[in-house]
Amino acid sequence: MICVVLNLLPTILLMRAGEITVCQNARHARNQKRIANAARK
């Protein structure tokens, strides 16, 4: 049972890290869009 948990932990951590980077990329893209709109005006 413990072995299963230990095997799953890295996967869960990787998924969590992936979600975080996706969120950061989305936020960054939104900021870039806002900056581009401000520059156009």
PDB file of N, CA and C in Angstrom:
ATOM      1  N   MET A   1       0.847  -1.204   0.000  1.00  0.00           N
ATOM      2  CA  MET A   1       0.000   0.000   0.000  1.00  0.00           C
ATOM      3  C   MET A   1       0.882   1.254   0.000  1.00  0.00           C
ATOM      4  N   ILE A   2       1.867   1.263   0.881  1.00  0.00           N
ATOM      5  CA  ILE A   2       2.757   2.429   0.951  1.00  0.00           C
ATOM      6  C   ILE A   2       3.502   2.601  -0.373  1.00  0.00           C
ATOM      7  N   CYS A   3       3.888   1.468  -0.969  1.00  0.00           N
ATOM      8  CA  CYS A   3       4.604   1.535  -2.259  1.00  0.00           C
ATOM      9  C   CYS A   3       3.751   2.241  -3.310  1.00  0.00           C
ATOM     10  N   VAL A   4       2.467   1.952  -3.326  1.00  0.00           N
ATOM     11  CA  VAL A   4       1.573   2.573  -4.306  1.00  0.00           C
ATOM     12  C   VAL A   4       1.564   4.084  -4.107  1.00  0.00           C
ATOM     13  N   VAL A   5       1.453   4.511  -2.846  1.00  0.00           N
ATOM     14  CA  VAL A   5       1.430   5.949  -2.550  1.00  0.00           C
ATOM     15  C   VAL A   5       2.736   6.594  -2.997  1.00  0.00           C
ATOM     16  N   LEU A   6       3.856   5.934  -2.688  1.00  0.00           N
ATOM     17  CA  LEU A   6       5.161   6.493  -3.067  1.00  0.00           C
ATOM     18  C   LEU A   6       5.291   6.582  -4.581  1.00  0.00           C
ATOM     19  N   ASN A   7       4.725   5.620  -5.289  1.00  0.00           N
ATOM     20  CA  ASN A   7       4.788   5.652  -6.752  1.00  0.00           C
ATOM     21  C   ASN A   7       3.909   6.769  -7.306  1.00  0.00           C
ATOM     22  N   LEU A   8       2.794   7.047  -6.644  1.00  0.00           N
ATOM     23  CA  LEU A   8       1.868   8.068  -7.143  1.00  0.00           C
ATOM     24  C   LEU A   8       2.349   9.482  -6.820  1.00  0.00           C
ATOM     25  N   LEU A   9       3.078   9.635  -5.725  1.00  0.00           N
ATOM     26  CA  LEU A   9       3.489  10.977  -5.294  1.00  0.00           C
ATOM     27  C   LEU A   9       4.190  11.780  -6.397  1.00  0.00           C
ATOM     28  N   PRO A  10       5.234  11.248  -7.043  1.00  0.00           N
ATOM     29  CA  PRO A  10       5.902  12.039  -8.093  1.00  0.00           C
ATOM     30  C   PRO A  10       4.946  12.451  -9.205  1.00  0.00           C
ATOM     31  N   THR A  11       4.036  11.550  -9.566  1.00  0.00           N
ATOM     32  CA  THR A  11       3.072  11.862 -10.624  1.00  0.00           C
ATOM     33  C   THR A  11       2.180  13.016 -10.201  1.00  0.00           C
ATOM     34  N   ILE A  12       1.687  12.958  -8.958  1.00  0.00           N
ATOM     35  CA  ILE A  12       0.809  14.022  -8.455  1.00  0.00           C
ATOM     36  C   ILE A  12       1.575  15.343  -8.417  1.00  0.00           C
ATOM     37  N   LEU A  13       2.821  15.289  -7.942  1.00  0.00           N
ATOM     38  CA  LEU A  13       3.620  16.516  -7.863  1.00  0.00           C
ATOM     39  C   LEU A  13       3.859  17.090  -9.258  1.00  0.00           C
ATOM     40  N   LEU A  14       4.137  16.213 -10.222  1.00  0.00           N
ATOM     41  CA  LEU A  14       4.359  16.680 -11.592  1.00  0.00           C
ATOM     42  C   LEU A  14       3.096  17.324 -12.155  1.00  0.00           C
ATOM     43  N   MET A  15       1.954  16.687 -11.911  1.00  0.00           N
ATOM     44  CA  MET A  15       0.688  17.244 -12.397  1.00  0.00           C
ATOM     45  C   MET A  15       0.438  18.603 -11.760  1.00  0.00           C
ATOM     46  N   ARG A  16       0.705  18.684 -10.455  1.00  0.00           N
ATOM     47  CA  ARG A  16       0.500  19.951  -9.738  1.00  0.00           C
ATOM     48  C   ARG A  16       1.408  21.021 -10.333  1.00  0.00           C
ATOM     49  N   ALA A  17       2.677  20.667 -10.565  1.00  0.00           N
ATOM     50  CA  ALA A  17       3.630  21.624 -11.139  1.00  0.00           C
ATOM     51  C   ALA A  17       3.173  22.037 -12.538  1.00  0.00           C
ATOM     52  N   GLY A  18       2.662  21.077 -13.313  1.00  0.00           N
ATOM     53  CA  GLY A  18       2.176  21.386 -14.651  1.00  0.00           C
ATOM     54  C   GLY A  18       1.015  22.359 -14.602  1.00  0.00           C
ATOM     55  N   GLU A  19       0.092  22.146 -13.649  1.00  0.00           N
ATOM     56  CA  GLU A  19      -1.054  23.051 -13.520  1.00  0.00           C
ATOM     57  C   GLU A  19      -0.573  24.454 -13.196  1.00  0.00           C
ATOM     58  N   ILE A  20       0.412  24.553 -12.304  1.00  0.00           N
ATOM     59  CA  ILE A  20       0.919  25.861 -11.892  1.00  0.00           C
ATOM     60  C   ILE A  20       1.530  26.586 -13.092  1.00  0.00           C
ATOM     61  N   THR A  21       2.349  25.872 -13.883  1.00  0.00           N
ATOM     62  CA  THR A  21       2.987  26.527 -15.027  1.00  0.00           C
ATOM     63  C   THR A  21       1.939  26.945 -16.052  1.00  0.00           C
ATOM     64  N   VAL A  22       0.907  26.131 -16.240  1.00  0.00           N
ATOM     65  CA  VAL A  22      -0.158  26.476 -17.186  1.00  0.00           C
ATOM     66  C   VAL A  22      -0.855  27.748 -16.724  1.00  0.00           C
ATOM     67  N   CYS A  23      -1.139  27.832 -15.417  1.00  0.00           N
ATOM     68  CA  CYS A  23      -1.796  29.027 -14.872  1.00  0.00           C
ATOM     69  C   CYS A  23      -0.906  30.248 -15.078  1.00  0.00           C
ATOM     70  N   GLN A  24       0.386  30.093 -14.806  1.00  0.00           N
ATOM     71  CA  GLN A  24       1.306  31.220 -14.958  1.00  0.00           C
ATOM     72  C   GLN A  24       1.388  31.649 -16.418  1.00  0.00           C
ATOM     73  N   ASN A  25       1.432  30.678 -17.337  1.00  0.00           N
ATOM     74  CA  ASN A  25       1.505  31.006 -18.760  1.00  0.00           C
ATOM     75  C   ASN A  25       0.250  31.749 -19.198  1.00  0.00           C
ATOM     76  N   ALA A  26      -0.915  31.309 -18.718  1.00  0.00           N
ATOM     77  CA  ALA A  26      -2.171  31.961 -19.086  1.00  0.00           C
ATOM     78  C   ALA A  26      -2.181  33.392 -18.559  1.00  0.00           C
ATOM     79  N   ARG A  27      -1.734  33.563 -17.317  1.00  0.00           N
ATOM     80  CA  ARG A  27      -1.714  34.903 -16.728  1.00  0.00           C
ATOM     81  C   ARG A  27      -0.750  35.780 -17.517  1.00  0.00           C
ATOM     82  N   HIS A  28       0.416  35.228 -17.868  1.00  0.00           N
ATOM     83  CA  HIS A  28       1.420  35.980 -18.615  1.00  0.00           C
ATOM     84  C   HIS A  28       0.867  36.401 -19.976  1.00  0.00           C
ATOM     85  N   ALA A  29       0.187  35.478 -20.652  1.00  0.00           N
ATOM     86  CA  ALA A  29      -0.377  35.783 -21.966  1.00  0.00           C
ATOM     87  C   ALA A  29      -1.408  36.898 -21.841  1.00  0.00           C
ATOM     88  N   ARG A  30      -2.217  36.846 -20.770  1.00  0.00           N
ATOM     89  CA  ARG A  30      -3.237  37.870 -20.572  1.00  0.00           C
ATOM     90  C   ARG A  30      -2.562  39.225 -20.355  1.00  0.00           C
ATOM     91  N   ASN A  31      -1.472  39.232 -19.572  1.00  0.00           N
ATOM     92  CA  ASN A  31      -0.752  40.482 -19.331  1.00  0.00           C
ATOM     93  C   ASN A  31      -0.168  41.019 -20.634  1.00  0.00           C
ATOM     94  N   GLN A  32       0.407  40.133 -21.447  1.00  0.00           N
ATOM     95  CA  GLN A  32       0.983  40.547 -22.726  1.00  0.00           C
ATOM     96  C   GLN A  32      -0.092  41.178 -23.610  1.00  0.00           C
ATOM     97  N   LYS A  33      -1.292  40.569 -23.605  1.00  0.00           N
ATOM     98  CA  LYS A  33      -2.390  41.081 -24.423  1.00  0.00           C
ATOM     99  C   LYS A  33      -2.776  42.479 -23.942  1.00  0.00           C
ATOM    100  N   ARG A  34      -2.829  42.645 -22.613  1.00  0.00           N
ATOM    101  CA  ARG A  34      -3.194  43.941 -22.048  1.00  0.00           C
ATOM    102  C   ARG A  34      -2.147  44.985 -22.443  1.00  0.00           C
ATOM    103  N   ILE A  35      -0.872  44.594 -22.361  1.00  0.00           N
ATOM    104  CA  ILE A  35       0.210  45.517 -22.717  1.00  0.00           C
ATOM    105  C   ILE A  35       0.110  45.893 -24.196  1.00  0.00           C
ATOM    106  N   ALA A  36      -0.175  44.901 -25.043  1.00  0.00           N
ATOM    107  CA  ALA A  36      -0.289  45.158 -26.480  1.00  0.00           C
ATOM    108  C   ALA A  36      -1.445  46.116 -26.752  1.00  0.00           C
ATOM    109  N   ASN A  37      -2.572  45.912 -26.061  1.00  0.00           N
ATOM    110  CA  ASN A  37      -3.725  46.793 -26.258  1.00  0.00           C
ATOM    111  C   ASN A  37      -3.383  48.211 -25.823  1.00  0.00           C
ATOM    112  N   ALA A  38      -2.692  48.350 -24.696  1.00  0.00           N
ATOM    113  CA  ALA A  38      -2.312  49.672 -24.205  1.00  0.00           C
ATOM    114  C   ALA A  38      -1.356  50.343 -25.194  1.00  0.00           C
ATOM    115  N   ALA A  39      -0.446  49.563 -25.770  1.00  0.00           N
ATOM    116  CA  ALA A  39       0.521  50.122 -26.718  1.00  0.00           C
ATOM    117  C   ALA A  39      -0.190  50.579 -27.991  1.00  0.00           C
ATOM    118  N   ARG A  40      -1.238  49.850 -28.387  1.00  0.00           N
ATOM    119  CA  ARG A  40      -1.952  50.192 -29.617  1.00  0.00           C
ATOM    120  C   ARG A  40      -2.661  51.535 -29.448  1.00  0.00           C
ATOM    121  N   LYS A  41      -3.197  51.769 -28.256  1.00  0.00           N
ATOM    122  CA  LYS A  41      -3.863  53.054 -28.000  1.00  0.00           C
ATOM    123  C   LYS A  41      -2.806  54.160 -27.966  1.00  0.00           C
TER     124      LYS A  41
END
